[in-house]
Amino acid sequence: AVFSAETIEGMTDMHPTTQRLYAAA
């Protein structure tokens, strides 16, 4: 599953570009 605000608790405040960076890493 890709990192997203729906799948990671507390991730709603994270910028979308950083979410994508973490998912790619």
PDB file of all heavy atoms in Angstrom:
ATOM      1  N   ALA A   1       0.850  -1.196   0.000  1.00  0.00           N
ATOM      2  CA  ALA A   1       0.000   0.000   0.000  1.00  0.00           C
ATOM      3  C   ALA A   1       0.883   1.242   0.000  1.00  0.00           C
ATOM      4  O   ALA A   1       1.912   1.294   0.644  1.00  0.00           O
ATOM      5  CB  ALA A   1      -0.915   0.001   1.221  1.00  0.00           C
ATOM      6  N   VAL A   2       0.467   2.236  -0.719  1.00  0.00           N
ATOM      7  CA  VAL A   2       1.210   3.481  -0.794  1.00  0.00           C
ATOM      8  C   VAL A   2       0.961   4.283   0.470  1.00  0.00           C
ATOM      9  O   VAL A   2      -0.133   4.296   1.002  1.00  0.00           O
ATOM     10  CB  VAL A   2       0.761   4.284  -2.039  1.00  0.00           C
ATOM     11  CG1 VAL A   2       1.437   5.635  -2.088  1.00  0.00           C
ATOM     12  CG2 VAL A   2       1.040   3.497  -3.297  1.00  0.00           C
ATOM     13  N   PHE A   3       1.995   4.976   0.963  1.00  0.00           N
ATOM     14  CA  PHE A   3       1.805   5.864   2.100  1.00  0.00           C
ATOM     15  C   PHE A   3       0.759   6.901   1.741  1.00  0.00           C
ATOM     16  O   PHE A   3       0.803   7.497   0.676  1.00  0.00           O
ATOM     17  CB  PHE A   3       3.101   6.612   2.430  1.00  0.00           C
ATOM     18  CG  PHE A   3       4.126   5.808   3.148  1.00  0.00           C
ATOM     19  CD1 PHE A   3       5.423   5.805   2.711  1.00  0.00           C
ATOM     20  CD2 PHE A   3       3.807   5.088   4.282  1.00  0.00           C
ATOM     21  CE1 PHE A   3       6.395   5.083   3.375  1.00  0.00           C
ATOM     22  CE2 PHE A   3       4.755   4.373   4.951  1.00  0.00           C
ATOM     23  CZ  PHE A   3       6.059   4.367   4.505  1.00  0.00           C
ATOM     24  N   SER A   4      -0.159   7.117   2.628  1.00  0.00           N
ATOM     25  CA  SER A   4      -1.147   8.174   2.439  1.00  0.00           C
ATOM     26  C   SER A   4      -1.721   8.526   3.797  1.00  0.00           C
ATOM     27  O   SER A   4      -1.522   7.820   4.780  1.00  0.00           O
ATOM     28  CB  SER A   4      -2.271   7.714   1.511  1.00  0.00           C
ATOM     29  OG  SER A   4      -3.062   6.745   2.146  1.00  0.00           O
ATOM     30  N   ALA A   5      -2.410   9.625   3.851  1.00  0.00           N
ATOM     31  CA  ALA A   5      -3.025  10.047   5.094  1.00  0.00           C
ATOM     32  C   ALA A   5      -4.013   9.001   5.597  1.00  0.00           C
ATOM     33  O   ALA A   5      -4.224   8.866   6.791  1.00  0.00           O
ATOM     34  CB  ALA A   5      -3.718  11.390   4.903  1.00  0.00           C
ATOM     35  N   GLU A   6      -4.597   8.259   4.681  1.00  0.00           N
ATOM     36  CA  GLU A   6      -5.565   7.241   5.070  1.00  0.00           C
ATOM     37  C   GLU A   6      -4.890   6.001   5.657  1.00  0.00           C
ATOM     38  O   GLU A   6      -5.477   5.283   6.443  1.00  0.00           O
ATOM     39  CB  GLU A   6      -6.416   6.819   3.870  1.00  0.00           C
ATOM     40  CG  GLU A   6      -7.354   7.903   3.371  1.00  0.00           C
ATOM     41  CD  GLU A   6      -6.653   8.959   2.530  1.00  0.00           C
ATOM     42  OE1 GLU A   6      -5.678   8.625   1.829  1.00  0.00           O
ATOM     43  OE2 GLU A   6      -7.060  10.126   2.587  1.00  0.00           O
ATOM     44  N   THR A   7      -3.652   5.722   5.265  1.00  0.00           N
ATOM     45  CA  THR A   7      -3.002   4.487   5.710  1.00  0.00           C
ATOM     46  C   THR A   7      -2.009   4.688   6.841  1.00  0.00           C
ATOM     47  O   THR A   7      -1.652   3.744   7.515  1.00  0.00           O
ATOM     48  CB  THR A   7      -2.276   3.790   4.539  1.00  0.00           C
ATOM     49  OG1 THR A   7      -1.273   4.676   4.025  1.00  0.00           O
ATOM     50  CG2 THR A   7      -3.236   3.401   3.450  1.00  0.00           C
ATOM     51  N   ILE A   8      -1.551   5.914   7.052  1.00  0.00           N
ATOM     52  CA  ILE A   8      -0.585   6.191   8.105  1.00  0.00           C
ATOM     53  C   ILE A   8      -1.183   7.194   9.072  1.00  0.00           C
ATOM     54  O   ILE A   8      -1.467   8.332   8.705  1.00  0.00           O
ATOM     55  CB  ILE A   8       0.732   6.779   7.529  1.00  0.00           C
ATOM     56  CG1 ILE A   8       1.332   5.883   6.471  1.00  0.00           C
ATOM     57  CG2 ILE A   8       1.720   7.063   8.654  1.00  0.00           C
ATOM     58  CD1 ILE A   8       1.924   4.597   6.984  1.00  0.00           C
ATOM     59  N   GLU A   9      -1.356   6.767  10.329  1.00  0.00           N
ATOM     60  CA  GLU A   9      -1.930   7.654  11.328  1.00  0.00           C
ATOM     61  C   GLU A   9      -0.993   8.836  11.567  1.00  0.00           C
ATOM     62  O   GLU A   9       0.219   8.677  11.671  1.00  0.00           O
ATOM     63  CB  GLU A   9      -2.127   6.891  12.637  1.00  0.00           C
ATOM     64  CG  GLU A   9      -2.794   7.709  13.709  1.00  0.00           C
ATOM     65  CD  GLU A   9      -3.041   6.916  14.969  1.00  0.00           C
ATOM     66  OE1 GLU A   9      -3.265   5.706  14.878  1.00  0.00           O
ATOM     67  OE2 GLU A   9      -2.998   7.524  16.034  1.00  0.00           O
ATOM     68  N   GLY A  10      -1.533  10.023  11.636  1.00  0.00           N
ATOM     69  CA  GLY A  10      -0.748  11.212  11.903  1.00  0.00           C
ATOM     70  C   GLY A  10      -0.069  11.792  10.677  1.00  0.00           C
ATOM     71  O   GLY A  10       0.661  12.766  10.781  1.00  0.00           O
ATOM     72  N   MET A  11      -0.288  11.230   9.512  1.00  0.00           N
ATOM     73  CA  MET A  11       0.397  11.692   8.321  1.00  0.00           C
ATOM     74  C   MET A  11      -0.383  12.794   7.611  1.00  0.00           C
ATOM     75  O   MET A  11       0.079  13.329   6.632  1.00  0.00           O
ATOM     76  CB  MET A  11       0.631  10.519   7.368  1.00  0.00           C
ATOM     77  CG  MET A  11       1.675  10.755   6.330  1.00  0.00           C
ATOM     78  SD  MET A  11       1.927   9.259   5.377  1.00  0.00           S
ATOM     79  CE  MET A  11       3.589   9.537   4.834  1.00  0.00           C
ATOM     80  N   THR A  12      -1.516  13.171   8.135  1.00  0.00           N
ATOM     81  CA  THR A  12      -2.353  14.154   7.458  1.00  0.00           C
ATOM     82  C   THR A  12      -1.686  15.517   7.356  1.00  0.00           C
ATOM     83  O   THR A  12      -1.992  16.277   6.456  1.00  0.00           O
ATOM     84  CB  THR A  12      -3.713  14.299   8.168  1.00  0.00           C
ATOM     85  OG1 THR A  12      -3.468  14.663   9.532  1.00  0.00           O
ATOM     86  CG2 THR A  12      -4.508  13.024   8.102  1.00  0.00           C
ATOM     87  N   ASP A  13      -0.761  15.842   8.258  1.00  0.00           N
ATOM     88  CA  ASP A  13      -0.100  17.127   8.235  1.00  0.00           C
ATOM     89  C   ASP A  13       1.150  17.130   7.363  1.00  0.00           C
ATOM     90  O   ASP A  13       1.798  18.154   7.231  1.00  0.00           O
ATOM     91  CB  ASP A  13       0.279  17.562   9.644  1.00  0.00           C
ATOM     92  CG  ASP A  13      -0.939  17.831  10.507  1.00  0.00           C
ATOM     93  OD1 ASP A  13      -1.997  18.146   9.936  1.00  0.00           O
ATOM     94  OD2 ASP A  13      -0.827  17.725  11.727  1.00  0.00           O
ATOM     95  N   MET A  14       1.515  16.002   6.796  1.00  0.00           N
ATOM     96  CA  MET A  14       2.722  15.907   5.990  1.00  0.00           C
ATOM     97  C   MET A  14       2.451  16.372   4.560  1.00  0.00           C
ATOM     98  O   MET A  14       1.424  16.052   3.977  1.00  0.00           O
ATOM     99  CB  MET A  14       3.233  14.460   5.962  1.00  0.00           C
ATOM    100  CG  MET A  14       4.593  14.333   5.308  1.00  0.00           C
ATOM    101  SD  MET A  14       5.226  12.647   5.327  1.00  0.00           S
ATOM    102  CE  MET A  14       5.327  12.349   7.071  1.00  0.00           C
ATOM    103  N   HIS A  15       3.393  17.127   4.025  1.00  0.00           N
ATOM    104  CA  HIS A  15       3.270  17.629   2.661  1.00  0.00           C
ATOM    105  C   HIS A  15       3.210  16.458   1.671  1.00  0.00           C
ATOM    106  O   HIS A  15       3.924  15.466   1.841  1.00  0.00           O
ATOM    107  CB  HIS A  15       4.464  18.536   2.352  1.00  0.00           C
ATOM    108  CG  HIS A  15       4.249  19.396   1.163  1.00  0.00           C
ATOM    109  ND1 HIS A  15       4.512  18.964  -0.106  1.00  0.00           N
ATOM    110  CD2 HIS A  15       3.786  20.664   1.055  1.00  0.00           C
ATOM    111  CE1 HIS A  15       4.228  19.933  -0.958  1.00  0.00           C
ATOM    112  NE2 HIS A  15       3.781  20.983  -0.269  1.00  0.00           N
ATOM    113  N   PRO A  16       2.385  16.555   0.644  1.00  0.00           N
ATOM    114  CA  PRO A  16       2.242  15.449  -0.317  1.00  0.00           C
ATOM    115  C   PRO A  16       3.553  15.061  -1.012  1.00  0.00           C
ATOM    116  O   PRO A  16       3.773  13.882  -1.298  1.00  0.00           O
ATOM    117  CB  PRO A  16       1.233  15.981  -1.337  1.00  0.00           C
ATOM    118  CG  PRO A  16       0.491  17.054  -0.633  1.00  0.00           C
ATOM    119  CD  PRO A  16       1.434  17.639   0.377  1.00  0.00           C
ATOM    120  N   THR A  17       4.448  16.016  -1.255  1.00  0.00           N
ATOM    121  CA  THR A  17       5.709  15.651  -1.913  1.00  0.00           C
ATOM    122  C   THR A  17       6.560  14.775  -1.006  1.00  0.00           C
ATOM    123  O   THR A  17       7.243  13.874  -1.489  1.00  0.00           O
ATOM    124  CB  THR A  17       6.514  16.902  -2.334  1.00  0.00           C
ATOM    125  OG1 THR A  17       6.811  17.700  -1.184  1.00  0.00           O
ATOM    126  CG2 THR A  17       5.762  17.717  -3.365  1.00  0.00           C
ATOM    127  N   THR A  18       6.487  15.026   0.292  1.00  0.00           N
ATOM    128  CA  THR A  18       7.251  14.208   1.232  1.00  0.00           C
ATOM    129  C   THR A  18       6.618  12.833   1.378  1.00  0.00           C
ATOM    130  O   THR A  18       7.329  11.834   1.500  1.00  0.00           O
ATOM    131  CB  THR A  18       7.358  14.914   2.594  1.00  0.00           C
ATOM    132  OG1 THR A  18       7.772  16.259   2.389  1.00  0.00           O
ATOM    133  CG2 THR A  18       8.370  14.216   3.480  1.00  0.00           C
ATOM    134  N   GLN A  19       5.302  12.764   1.341  1.00  0.00           N
ATOM    135  CA  GLN A  19       4.635  11.462   1.356  1.00  0.00           C
ATOM    136  C   GLN A  19       5.116  10.623   0.172  1.00  0.00           C
ATOM    137  O   GLN A  19       5.426   9.441   0.334  1.00  0.00           O
ATOM    138  CB  GLN A  19       3.119  11.632   1.289  1.00  0.00           C
ATOM    139  CG  GLN A  19       2.502  12.203   2.532  1.00  0.00           C
ATOM    140  CD  GLN A  19       0.999  12.373   2.398  1.00  0.00           C
ATOM    141  OE1 GLN A  19       0.367  11.854   1.487  1.00  0.00           O
ATOM    142  NE2 GLN A  19       0.408  13.118   3.316  1.00  0.00           N
ATOM    143  N   ARG A  20       5.191  11.251  -1.009  1.00  0.00           N
ATOM    144  CA  ARG A  20       5.643  10.522  -2.199  1.00  0.00           C
ATOM    145  C   ARG A  20       7.109  10.129  -2.089  1.00  0.00           C
ATOM    146  O   ARG A  20       7.502   9.047  -2.532  1.00  0.00           O
ATOM    147  CB  ARG A  20       5.378  11.354  -3.451  1.00  0.00           C
ATOM    148  CG  ARG A  20       3.890  11.494  -3.751  1.00  0.00           C
ATOM    149  CD  ARG A  20       3.605  12.059  -5.132  1.00  0.00           C
ATOM    150  NE  ARG A  20       4.198  13.359  -5.375  1.00  0.00           N
ATOM    151  CZ  ARG A  20       3.600  14.523  -5.149  1.00  0.00           C
ATOM    152  NH1 ARG A  20       2.373  14.550  -4.641  1.00  0.00           N
ATOM    153  NH2 ARG A  20       4.194  15.660  -5.433  1.00  0.00           N
ATOM    154  N   LEU A  21       7.937  10.992  -1.479  1.00  0.00           N
ATOM    155  CA  LEU A  21       9.352  10.670  -1.278  1.00  0.00           C
ATOM    156  C   LEU A  21       9.490   9.445  -0.384  1.00  0.00           C
ATOM    157  O   LEU A  21      10.243   8.518  -0.702  1.00  0.00           O
ATOM    158  CB  LEU A  21      10.091  11.861  -0.660  1.00  0.00           C
ATOM    159  CG  LEU A  21      11.534  11.592  -0.237  1.00  0.00           C
ATOM    160  CD1 LEU A  21      12.407  11.241  -1.433  1.00  0.00           C
ATOM    161  CD2 LEU A  21      12.087  12.781   0.515  1.00  0.00           C
ATOM    162  N   TYR A  22       8.775   9.410   0.740  1.00  0.00           N
ATOM    163  CA  TYR A  22       8.830   8.257   1.637  1.00  0.00           C
ATOM    164  C   TYR A  22       8.342   6.990   0.945  1.00  0.00           C
ATOM    165  O   TYR A  22       8.921   5.915   1.123  1.00  0.00           O
ATOM    166  CB  TYR A  22       8.014   8.513   2.911  1.00  0.00           C
ATOM    167  CG  TYR A  22       8.676   9.446   3.900  1.00  0.00           C
ATOM    168  CD1 TYR A  22       7.912  10.292   4.693  1.00  0.00           C
ATOM    169  CD2 TYR A  22      10.054   9.485   4.071  1.00  0.00           C
ATOM    170  CE1 TYR A  22       8.494  11.147   5.615  1.00  0.00           C
ATOM    171  CE2 TYR A  22      10.652  10.332   4.991  1.00  0.00           C
ATOM    172  CZ  TYR A  22       9.865  11.153   5.762  1.00  0.00           C
ATOM    173  OH  TYR A  22      10.446  11.990   6.675  1.00  0.00           O
ATOM    174  N   ALA A  23       7.285   7.109   0.164  1.00  0.00           N
ATOM    175  CA  ALA A  23       6.760   5.948  -0.557  1.00  0.00           C
ATOM    176  C   ALA A  23       7.786   5.431  -1.569  1.00  0.00           C
ATOM    177  O   ALA A  23       7.987   4.222  -1.697  1.00  0.00           O
ATOM    178  CB  ALA A  23       5.456   6.297  -1.259  1.00  0.00           C
ATOM    179  N   ALA A  24       8.454   6.342  -2.271  1.00  0.00           N
ATOM    180  CA  ALA A  24       9.468   5.929  -3.250  1.00  0.00           C
ATOM    181  C   ALA A  24      10.659   5.286  -2.561  1.00  0.00           C
ATOM    182  O   ALA A  24      11.176   4.267  -3.028  1.00  0.00           O
ATOM    183  CB  ALA A  24       9.918   7.139  -4.071  1.00  0.00           C
ATOM    184  N   ALA A  25      11.098   5.853  -1.452  1.00  0.00           N
ATOM    185  CA  ALA A  25      12.232   5.279  -0.721  1.00  0.00           C
ATOM    186  C   ALA A  25      11.901   3.867  -0.248  1.00  0.00           C
ATOM    187  O   ALA A  25      12.741   2.954  -0.321  1.00  0.00           O
ATOM    188  CB  ALA A  25      12.599   6.164   0.466  1.00  0.00           C
TER     189      ALA A  25
END
